[in-house]
Amino acid sequence: MASQEKDENLKYKRSYIESQKTQSATKTKSPKNNIGAEKKPKIDGEPSFFERWETSRFWLIRAIFVVVRSVWMVVMVIGGFIVWLISLLFI
């Protein structure tokens, strides 16, 4: 019984995948569809600006990163506290 359900699910998945392939093949052939093409997502292997400063080999860059991150955290905590106080006024 379970093997029959698996076989049916695989059949539906395969047909769905094949239909998606044919739709994507027809979309890419026409140049009109490329006008609204999505931007490429960021590559996972490339480190972000934040990660590069955090793991920099230069101690001065890492020190600036720690100071800026600490100041940002303090500002966010104070801002969150102020928002919390304001929300208490409107209860």
PDB file of N, CA and C in Angstrom:
ATOM      1  N   MET A   1       0.823  -1.185   0.000  1.00  0.00           N
ATOM      2  CA  MET A   1       0.000   0.000   0.000  1.00  0.00           C
ATOM      3  C   MET A   1       0.871   1.254   0.000  1.00  0.00           C
ATOM      4  N   ALA A   2       1.890   1.257   0.866  1.00  0.00           N
ATOM      5  CA  ALA A   2       2.756   2.424   0.951  1.00  0.00           C
ATOM      6  C   ALA A   2       3.584   2.597  -0.319  1.00  0.00           C
ATOM      7  N   SER A   3       4.008   1.472  -0.899  1.00  0.00           N
ATOM      8  CA  SER A   3       4.805   1.574  -2.127  1.00  0.00           C
ATOM      9  C   SER A   3       3.963   2.111  -3.282  1.00  0.00           C
ATOM     10  N   GLN A   4       2.669   1.762  -3.296  1.00  0.00           N
ATOM     11  CA  GLN A   4       1.788   2.270  -4.341  1.00  0.00           C
ATOM     12  C   GLN A   4       1.618   3.776  -4.210  1.00  0.00           C
ATOM     13  N   GLU A   5       1.486   4.280  -2.973  1.00  0.00           N
ATOM     14  CA  GLU A   5       1.352   5.720  -2.759  1.00  0.00           C
ATOM     15  C   GLU A   5       2.623   6.443  -3.173  1.00  0.00           C
ATOM     16  N   LYS A   6       3.777   5.854  -2.868  1.00  0.00           N
ATOM     17  CA  LYS A   6       5.050   6.468  -3.252  1.00  0.00           C
ATOM     18  C   LYS A   6       5.167   6.555  -4.767  1.00  0.00           C
ATOM     19  N   ASP A   7       4.777   5.474  -5.452  1.00  0.00           N
ATOM     20  CA  ASP A   7       4.860   5.464  -6.911  1.00  0.00           C
ATOM     21  C   ASP A   7       3.952   6.534  -7.517  1.00  0.00           C
ATOM     22  N   GLU A   8       2.744   6.693  -6.960  1.00  0.00           N
ATOM     23  CA  GLU A   8       1.836   7.704  -7.474  1.00  0.00           C
ATOM     24  C   GLU A   8       2.377   9.110  -7.221  1.00  0.00           C
ATOM     25  N   ASN A   9       2.945   9.314  -6.036  1.00  0.00           N
ATOM     26  CA  ASN A   9       3.529  10.624  -5.732  1.00  0.00           C
ATOM     27  C   ASN A   9       4.685  10.948  -6.658  1.00  0.00           C
ATOM     28  N   LEU A  10       5.521   9.959  -6.925  1.00  0.00           N
ATOM     29  CA  LEU A  10       6.646  10.183  -7.826  1.00  0.00           C
ATOM     30  C   LEU A  10       6.155  10.521  -9.224  1.00  0.00           C
ATOM     31  N   LYS A  11       5.084   9.866  -9.659  1.00  0.00           N
ATOM     32  CA  LYS A  11       4.556  10.133 -10.983  1.00  0.00           C
ATOM     33  C   LYS A  11       4.075  11.576 -11.086  1.00  0.00           C
ATOM     34  N   TYR A  12       3.376  12.038 -10.046  1.00  0.00           N
ATOM     35  CA  TYR A  12       2.899  13.415 -10.063  1.00  0.00           C
ATOM     36  C   TYR A  12       4.043  14.410  -9.982  1.00  0.00           C
ATOM     37  N   LYS A  13       5.056  14.110  -9.168  1.00  0.00           N
ATOM     38  CA  LYS A  13       6.202  15.007  -9.046  1.00  0.00           C
ATOM     39  C   LYS A  13       6.943  15.104 -10.378  1.00  0.00           C
ATOM     40  N   ARG A  14       7.126  13.961 -11.030  1.00  0.00           N
ATOM     41  CA  ARG A  14       7.838  13.963 -12.311  1.00  0.00           C
ATOM     42  C   ARG A  14       7.081  14.764 -13.363  1.00  0.00           C
ATOM     43  N   SER A  15       5.757  14.583 -13.386  1.00  0.00           N
ATOM     44  CA  SER A  15       4.984  15.324 -14.383  1.00  0.00           C
ATOM     45  C   SER A  15       5.025  16.820 -14.086  1.00  0.00           C
ATOM     46  N   TYR A  16       5.015  17.189 -12.811  1.00  0.00           N
ATOM     47  CA  TYR A  16       5.098  18.602 -12.444  1.00  0.00           C
ATOM     48  C   TYR A  16       6.453  19.179 -12.841  1.00  0.00           C
ATOM     49  N   ILE A  17       7.515  18.439 -12.563  1.00  0.00           N
ATOM     50  CA  ILE A  17       8.858  18.914 -12.907  1.00  0.00           C
ATOM     51  C   ILE A  17       9.005  19.061 -14.415  1.00  0.00           C
ATOM     52  N   GLU A  18       8.486  18.085 -15.161  1.00  0.00           N
ATOM     53  CA  GLU A  18       8.572  18.168 -16.621  1.00  0.00           C
ATOM     54  C   GLU A  18       7.781  19.351 -17.161  1.00  0.00           C
ATOM     55  N   SER A  19       6.618  19.617 -16.566  1.00  0.00           N
ATOM     56  CA  SER A  19       5.832  20.761 -17.037  1.00  0.00           C
ATOM     57  C   SER A  19       6.544  22.074 -16.722  1.00  0.00           C
ATOM     58  N   GLN A  20       7.223  22.131 -15.579  1.00  0.00           N
ATOM     59  CA  GLN A  20       7.970  23.335 -15.233  1.00  0.00           C
ATOM     60  C   GLN A  20       9.143  23.539 -16.190  1.00  0.00           C
ATOM     61  N   LYS A  21       9.798  22.455 -16.575  1.00  0.00           N
ATOM     62  CA  LYS A  21      10.919  22.563 -17.512  1.00  0.00           C
ATOM     63  C   LYS A  21      10.457  23.092 -18.860  1.00  0.00           C
ATOM     64  N   THR A  22       9.322  22.585 -19.341  1.00  0.00           N
ATOM     65  CA  THR A  22       8.835  23.038 -20.639  1.00  0.00           C
ATOM     66  C   THR A  22       8.378  24.487 -20.579  1.00  0.00           C
ATOM     67  N   GLN A  23       7.776  24.900 -19.465  1.00  0.00           N
ATOM     68  CA  GLN A  23       7.353  26.291 -19.325  1.00  0.00           C
ATOM     69  C   GLN A  23       8.553  27.218 -19.266  1.00  0.00           C
ATOM     70  N   SER A  24       9.585  26.825 -18.517  1.00  0.00           N
ATOM     71  CA  SER A  24      10.762  27.679 -18.418  1.00  0.00           C
ATOM     72  C   SER A  24      11.503  27.738 -19.750  1.00  0.00           C
ATOM     73  N   ALA A  25      11.481  26.646 -20.516  1.00  0.00           N
ATOM     74  CA  ALA A  25      12.154  26.646 -21.818  1.00  0.00           C
ATOM     75  C   ALA A  25      11.441  27.581 -22.783  1.00  0.00           C
ATOM     76  N   THR A  26      10.126  27.625 -22.742  1.00  0.00           N
ATOM     77  CA  THR A  26       9.401  28.515 -23.647  1.00  0.00           C
ATOM     78  C   THR A  26       9.534  29.966 -23.203  1.00  0.00           C
ATOM     79  N   LYS A  27       9.678  30.209 -21.924  1.00  0.00           N
ATOM     80  CA  LYS A  27       9.815  31.586 -21.438  1.00  0.00           C
ATOM     81  C   LYS A  27      11.163  32.179 -21.811  1.00  0.00           C
ATOM     82  N   THR A  28      12.209  31.385 -21.758  1.00  0.00           N
ATOM     83  CA  THR A  28      13.535  31.926 -22.019  1.00  0.00           C
ATOM     84  C   THR A  28      13.785  32.168 -23.499  1.00  0.00           C
ATOM     85  N   LYS A  29      13.018  31.572 -24.380  1.00  0.00           N
ATOM     86  CA  LYS A  29      13.245  31.759 -25.808  1.00  0.00           C
ATOM     87  C   LYS A  29      12.818  33.139 -26.287  1.00  0.00           C
ATOM     88  N   SER A  30      11.795  33.701 -25.675  1.00  0.00           N
ATOM     89  CA  SER A  30      11.317  34.989 -26.154  1.00  0.00           C
ATOM     90  C   SER A  30      12.050  36.128 -25.450  1.00  0.00           C
ATOM     91  N   PRO A  31      12.569  37.114 -26.189  1.00  0.00           N
ATOM     92  CA  PRO A  31      13.320  38.206 -25.576  1.00  0.00           C
ATOM     93  C   PRO A  31      12.429  39.152 -24.767  1.00  0.00           C
ATOM     94  N   LYS A  32      11.128  39.146 -25.006  1.00  0.00           N
ATOM     95  CA  LYS A  32      10.243  40.031 -24.270  1.00  0.00           C
ATOM     96  C   LYS A  32      10.174  39.655 -22.794  1.00  0.00           C
ATOM     97  N   ASN A  33      10.300  38.373 -22.493  1.00  0.00           N
ATOM     98  CA  ASN A  33      10.205  37.924 -21.108  1.00  0.00           C
ATOM     99  C   ASN A  33      11.444  38.258 -20.291  1.00  0.00           C
ATOM    100  N   ASN A  34      12.552  38.567 -20.931  1.00  0.00           N
ATOM    101  CA  ASN A  34      13.775  38.880 -20.199  1.00  0.00           C
ATOM    102  C   ASN A  34      13.788  40.300 -19.658  1.00  0.00           C
ATOM    103  N   ILE A  35      12.825  41.126 -20.037  1.00  0.00           N
ATOM    104  CA  ILE A  35      12.802  42.509 -19.571  1.00  0.00           C
ATOM    105  C   ILE A  35      12.595  42.567 -18.069  1.00  0.00           C
ATOM    106  N   GLY A  36      11.671  41.792 -17.544  1.00  0.00           N
ATOM    107  CA  GLY A  36      11.390  41.799 -16.113  1.00  0.00           C
ATOM    108  C   GLY A  36      12.098  40.682 -15.376  1.00  0.00           C
ATOM    109  N   ALA A  37      13.259  40.263 -15.847  1.00  0.00           N
ATOM    110  CA  ALA A  37      13.968  39.143 -15.225  1.00  0.00           C
ATOM    111  C   ALA A  37      14.410  39.514 -13.819  1.00  0.00           C
ATOM    112  N   GLU A  38      14.383  38.525 -12.959  1.00  0.00           N
ATOM    113  CA  GLU A  38      14.777  38.738 -11.571  1.00  0.00           C
ATOM    114  C   GLU A  38      16.287  38.908 -11.480  1.00  0.00           C
ATOM    115  N   LYS A  39      16.695  39.627 -10.438  1.00  0.00           N
ATOM    116  CA  LYS A  39      18.128  39.791 -10.209  1.00  0.00           C
ATOM    117  C   LYS A  39      18.693  38.497  -9.645  1.00  0.00           C
ATOM    118  N   LYS A  40      19.969  38.280  -9.898  1.00  0.00           N
ATOM    119  CA  LYS A  40      20.613  37.078  -9.399  1.00  0.00           C
ATOM    120  C   LYS A  40      20.762  37.173  -7.884  1.00  0.00           C
ATOM    121  N   PRO A  41      20.487  36.081  -7.173  1.00  0.00           N
ATOM    122  CA  PRO A  41      20.661  36.115  -5.719  1.00  0.00           C
ATOM    123  C   PRO A  41      22.135  36.141  -5.362  1.00  0.00           C
ATOM    124  N   LYS A  42      22.422  36.565  -4.139  1.00  0.00           N
ATOM    125  CA  LYS A  42      23.802  36.655  -3.685  1.00  0.00           C
ATOM    126  C   LYS A  42      24.402  35.257  -3.593  1.00  0.00           C
ATOM    127  N   ILE A  43      25.634  35.121  -4.009  1.00  0.00           N
ATOM    128  CA  ILE A  43      26.320  33.841  -3.965  1.00  0.00           C
ATOM    129  C   ILE A  43      26.656  33.535  -2.512  1.00  0.00           C
ATOM    130  N   ASP A  44      26.398  32.291  -2.092  1.00  0.00           N
ATOM    131  CA  ASP A  44      26.615  31.918  -0.696  1.00  0.00           C
ATOM    132  C   ASP A  44      28.084  31.946  -0.306  1.00  0.00           C
ATOM    133  N   GLY A  45      28.969  31.687  -1.219  1.00  0.00           N
ATOM    134  CA  GLY A  45      30.385  31.629  -0.902  1.00  0.00           C
ATOM    135  C   GLY A  45      31.014  32.996  -0.683  1.00  0.00           C
ATOM    136  N   GLU A  46      30.377  34.050  -1.134  1.00  0.00           N
ATOM    137  CA  GLU A  46      30.938  35.389  -1.013  1.00  0.00           C
ATOM    138  C   GLU A  46      30.546  36.003   0.337  1.00  0.00           C
ATOM    139  N   PRO A  47      31.545  36.389   1.172  1.00  0.00           N
ATOM    140  CA  PRO A  47      31.205  36.949   2.483  1.00  0.00           C
ATOM    141  C   PRO A  47      30.614  38.351   2.358  1.00  0.00           C
ATOM    142  N   SER A  48      29.718  38.677   3.264  1.00  0.00           N
ATOM    143  CA  SER A  48      29.095  39.990   3.252  1.00  0.00           C
ATOM    144  C   SER A  48      30.054  41.027   3.827  1.00  0.00           C
ATOM    145  N   PHE A  49      29.674  42.292   3.700  1.00  0.00           N
ATOM    146  CA  PHE A  49      30.478  43.388   4.249  1.00  0.00           C
ATOM    147  C   PHE A  49      30.658  43.206   5.745  1.00  0.00           C
ATOM    148  N   PHE A  50      29.580  42.849   6.433  1.00  0.00           N
ATOM    149  CA  PHE A  50      29.602  42.627   7.877  1.00  0.00           C
ATOM    150  C   PHE A  50      30.594  41.528   8.248  1.00  0.00           C
ATOM    151  N   GLU A  51      30.567  40.415   7.534  1.00  0.00           N
ATOM    152  CA  GLU A  51      31.460  39.297   7.812  1.00  0.00           C
ATOM    153  C   GLU A  51      32.913  39.638   7.504  1.00  0.00           C
ATOM    154  N   ARG A  52      33.128  40.422   6.452  1.00  0.00           N
ATOM    155  CA  ARG A  52      34.506  40.781   6.106  1.00  0.00           C
ATOM    156  C   ARG A  52      35.130  41.656   7.182  1.00  0.00           C
ATOM    157  N   TRP A  53      34.373  42.609   7.759  1.00  0.00           N
ATOM    158  CA  TRP A  53      34.920  43.460   8.797  1.00  0.00           C
ATOM    159  C   TRP A  53      35.103  42.680  10.097  1.00  0.00           C
ATOM    160  N   GLU A  54      34.203  41.749  10.361  1.00  0.00           N
ATOM    161  CA  GLU A  54      34.282  40.969  11.595  1.00  0.00           C
ATOM    162  C   GLU A  54      35.494  40.043  11.592  1.00  0.00           C
ATOM    163  N   THR A  55      35.863  39.518  10.448  1.00  0.00           N
ATOM    164  CA  THR A  55      36.959  38.557  10.351  1.00  0.00           C
ATOM    165  C   THR A  55      38.174  39.126   9.623  1.00  0.00           C
ATOM    166  N   SER A  56      38.316  40.431   9.622  1.00  0.00           N
ATOM    167  CA  SER A  56      39.439  41.055   8.917  1.00  0.00           C
ATOM    168  C   SER A  56      40.766  40.665   9.572  1.00  0.00           C
ATOM    169  N   ARG A  57      41.805  40.613   8.772  1.00  0.00           N
ATOM    170  CA  ARG A  57      43.116  40.263   9.323  1.00  0.00           C
ATOM    171  C   ARG A  57      43.770  41.465  10.003  1.00  0.00           C
ATOM    172  N   PHE A  58      43.260  42.661   9.762  1.00  0.00           N
ATOM    173  CA  PHE A  58      43.823  43.860  10.373  1.00  0.00           C
ATOM    174  C   PHE A  58      43.103  44.156  11.688  1.00  0.00           C
ATOM    175  N   TRP A  59      43.877  44.301  12.765  1.00  0.00           N
ATOM    176  CA  TRP A  59      43.267  44.489  14.080  1.00  0.00           C
ATOM    177  C   TRP A  59      42.530  45.817  14.177  1.00  0.00           C
ATOM    178  N   LEU A  60      42.969  46.839  13.458  1.00  0.00           N
ATOM    179  CA  LEU A  60      42.300  48.140  13.516  1.00  0.00           C
ATOM    180  C   LEU A  60      40.885  48.049  12.922  1.00  0.00           C
ATOM    181  N   ILE A  61      40.744  47.330  11.831  1.00  0.00           N
ATOM    182  CA  ILE A  61      39.423  47.146  11.212  1.00  0.00           C
ATOM    183  C   ILE A  61      38.507  46.371  12.158  1.00  0.00           C
ATOM    184  N   ARG A  62      39.044  45.300  12.777  1.00  0.00           N
ATOM    185  CA  ARG A  62      38.231  44.533  13.727  1.00  0.00           C
ATOM    186  C   ARG A  62      37.841  45.377  14.927  1.00  0.00           C
ATOM    187  N   ALA A  63      38.757  46.247  15.413  1.00  0.00           N
ATOM    188  CA  ALA A  63      38.449  47.107  16.559  1.00  0.00           C
ATOM    189  C   ALA A  63      37.356  48.117  16.199  1.00  0.00           C
ATOM    190  N   ILE A  64      37.442  48.704  15.011  1.00  0.00           N
ATOM    191  CA  ILE A  64      36.400  49.642  14.558  1.00  0.00           C
ATOM    192  C   ILE A  64      35.070  48.912  14.455  1.00  0.00           C
ATOM    193  N   PHE A  65      35.103  47.689  13.949  1.00  0.00           N
ATOM    194  CA  PHE A  65      33.876  46.896  13.839  1.00  0.00           C
ATOM    195  C   PHE A  65      33.247  46.659  15.209  1.00  0.00           C
ATOM    196  N   VAL A  66      34.052  46.290  16.195  1.00  0.00           N
ATOM    197  CA  VAL A  66      33.529  46.018  17.540  1.00  0.00           C
ATOM    198  C   VAL A  66      32.931  47.276  18.144  1.00  0.00           C
ATOM    199  N   VAL A  67      33.596  48.424  17.973  1.00  0.00           N
ATOM    200  CA  VAL A  67      33.094  49.683  18.524  1.00  0.00           C
ATOM    201  C   VAL A  67      31.776  50.067  17.850  1.00  0.00           C
ATOM    202  N   VAL A  68      31.724  50.000  16.532  1.00  0.00           N
ATOM    203  CA  VAL A  68      30.506  50.376  15.806  1.00  0.00           C
ATOM    204  C   VAL A  68      29.361  49.434  16.154  1.00  0.00           C
ATOM    205  N   ARG A  69      29.644  48.144  16.247  1.00  0.00           N
ATOM    206  CA  ARG A  69      28.602  47.182  16.610  1.00  0.00           C
ATOM    207  C   ARG A  69      28.093  47.422  18.026  1.00  0.00           C
ATOM    208  N   SER A  70      28.994  47.743  18.946  1.00  0.00           N
ATOM    209  CA  SER A  70      28.591  48.001  20.329  1.00  0.00           C
ATOM    210  C   SER A  70      27.736  49.258  20.430  1.00  0.00           C
ATOM    211  N   VAL A  71      28.139  50.322  19.733  1.00  0.00           N
ATOM    212  CA  VAL A  71      27.360  51.561  19.739  1.00  0.00           C
ATOM    213  C   VAL A  71      25.983  51.302  19.130  1.00  0.00           C
ATOM    214  N   TRP A  72      25.950  50.540  18.041  1.00  0.00           N
ATOM    215  CA  TRP A  72      24.674  50.240  17.392  1.00  0.00           C
ATOM    216  C   TRP A  72      23.759  49.453  18.332  1.00  0.00           C
ATOM    217  N   MET A  73      24.310  48.495  19.064  1.00  0.00           N
ATOM    218  CA  MET A  73      23.505  47.716  20.006  1.00  0.00           C
ATOM    219  C   MET A  73      22.937  48.607  21.108  1.00  0.00           C
ATOM    220  N   VAL A  74      23.752  49.516  21.640  1.00  0.00           N
ATOM    221  CA  VAL A  74      23.284  50.416  22.691  1.00  0.00           C
ATOM    222  C   VAL A  74      22.162  51.308  22.153  1.00  0.00           C
ATOM    223  N   VAL A  75      22.344  51.838  20.952  1.00  0.00           N
ATOM    224  CA  VAL A  75      21.314  52.690  20.346  1.00  0.00           C
ATOM    225  C   VAL A  75      20.016  51.898  20.152  1.00  0.00           C
ATOM    226  N   MET A  76      20.108  50.660  19.703  1.00  0.00           N
ATOM    227  CA  MET A  76      18.911  49.838  19.498  1.00  0.00           C
ATOM    228  C   MET A  76      18.224  49.510  20.816  1.00  0.00           C
ATOM    229  N   VAL A  77      18.989  49.236  21.857  1.00  0.00           N
ATOM    230  CA  VAL A  77      18.392  48.930  23.166  1.00  0.00           C
ATOM    231  C   VAL A  77      17.681  50.161  23.717  1.00  0.00           C
ATOM    232  N   ILE A  78      18.317  51.331  23.636  1.00  0.00           N
ATOM    233  CA  ILE A  78      17.691  52.565  24.119  1.00  0.00           C
ATOM    234  C   ILE A  78      16.440  52.870  23.289  1.00  0.00           C
ATOM    235  N   GLY A  79      16.519  52.714  21.982  1.00  0.00           N
ATOM    236  CA  GLY A  79      15.360  52.945  21.121  1.00  0.00           C
ATOM    237  C   GLY A  79      14.227  51.985  21.437  1.00  0.00           C
ATOM    238  N   GLY A  80      14.550  50.732  21.671  1.00  0.00           N
ATOM    239  CA  GLY A  80      13.531  49.754  22.042  1.00  0.00           C
ATOM    240  C   GLY A  80      12.876  50.093  23.367  1.00  0.00           C
ATOM    241  N   PHE A  81      13.667  50.568  24.304  1.00  0.00           N
ATOM    242  CA  PHE A  81      13.118  50.968  25.601  1.00  0.00           C
ATOM    243  C   PHE A  81      12.176  52.160  25.452  1.00  0.00           C
ATOM    244  N   ILE A  82      12.565  53.131  24.636  1.00  0.00           N
ATOM    245  CA  ILE A  82      11.708  54.309  24.408  1.00  0.00           C
ATOM    246  C   ILE A  82      10.403  53.884  23.732  1.00  0.00           C
ATOM    247  N   VAL A  83      10.481  53.007  22.757  1.00  0.00           N
ATOM    248  CA  VAL A  83       9.272  52.523  22.086  1.00  0.00           C
ATOM    249  C   VAL A  83       8.391  51.769  23.068  1.00  0.00           C
ATOM    250  N   TRP A  84       8.994  50.995  23.950  1.00  0.00           N
ATOM    251  CA  TRP A  84       8.224  50.273  24.961  1.00  0.00           C
ATOM    252  C   TRP A  84       7.510  51.246  25.893  1.00  0.00           C
ATOM    253  N   LEU A  85       8.212  52.296  26.318  1.00  0.00           N
ATOM    254  CA  LEU A  85       7.582  53.301  27.178  1.00  0.00           C
ATOM    255  C   LEU A  85       6.413  53.994  26.471  1.00  0.00           C
ATOM    256  N   ILE A  86       6.598  54.341  25.216  1.00  0.00           N
ATOM    257  CA  ILE A  86       5.538  54.993  24.461  1.00  0.00           C
ATOM    258  C   ILE A  86       4.345  54.046  24.309  1.00  0.00           C
ATOM    259  N   SER A  87       4.616  52.775  24.085  1.00  0.00           N
ATOM    260  CA  SER A  87       3.505  51.828  23.940  1.00  0.00           C
ATOM    261  C   SER A  87       2.733  51.682  25.253  1.00  0.00           C
ATOM    262  N   LEU A  88       3.393  51.857  26.377  1.00  0.00           N
ATOM    263  CA  LEU A  88       2.682  51.792  27.672  1.00  0.00           C
ATOM    264  C   LEU A  88       1.725  52.971  27.831  1.00  0.00           C
ATOM    265  N   LEU A  89       2.040  54.101  27.222  1.00  0.00           N
ATOM    266  CA  LEU A  89       1.176  55.270  27.334  1.00  0.00           C
ATOM    267  C   LEU A  89      -0.153  55.071  26.612  1.00  0.00           C
ATOM    268  N   PHE A  90      -0.168  54.241  25.568  1.00  0.00           N
ATOM    269  CA  PHE A  90      -1.359  54.083  24.762  1.00  0.00           C
ATOM    270  C   PHE A  90      -2.152  52.810  25.097  1.00  0.00           C
ATOM    271  N   ILE A  91      -1.842  52.202  26.217  1.00  0.00           N
ATOM    272  CA  ILE A  91      -2.603  51.001  26.605  1.00  0.00           C
ATOM    273  C   ILE A  91      -3.887  51.403  27.289  1.00  0.00           C
TER     274      ILE A  91
END
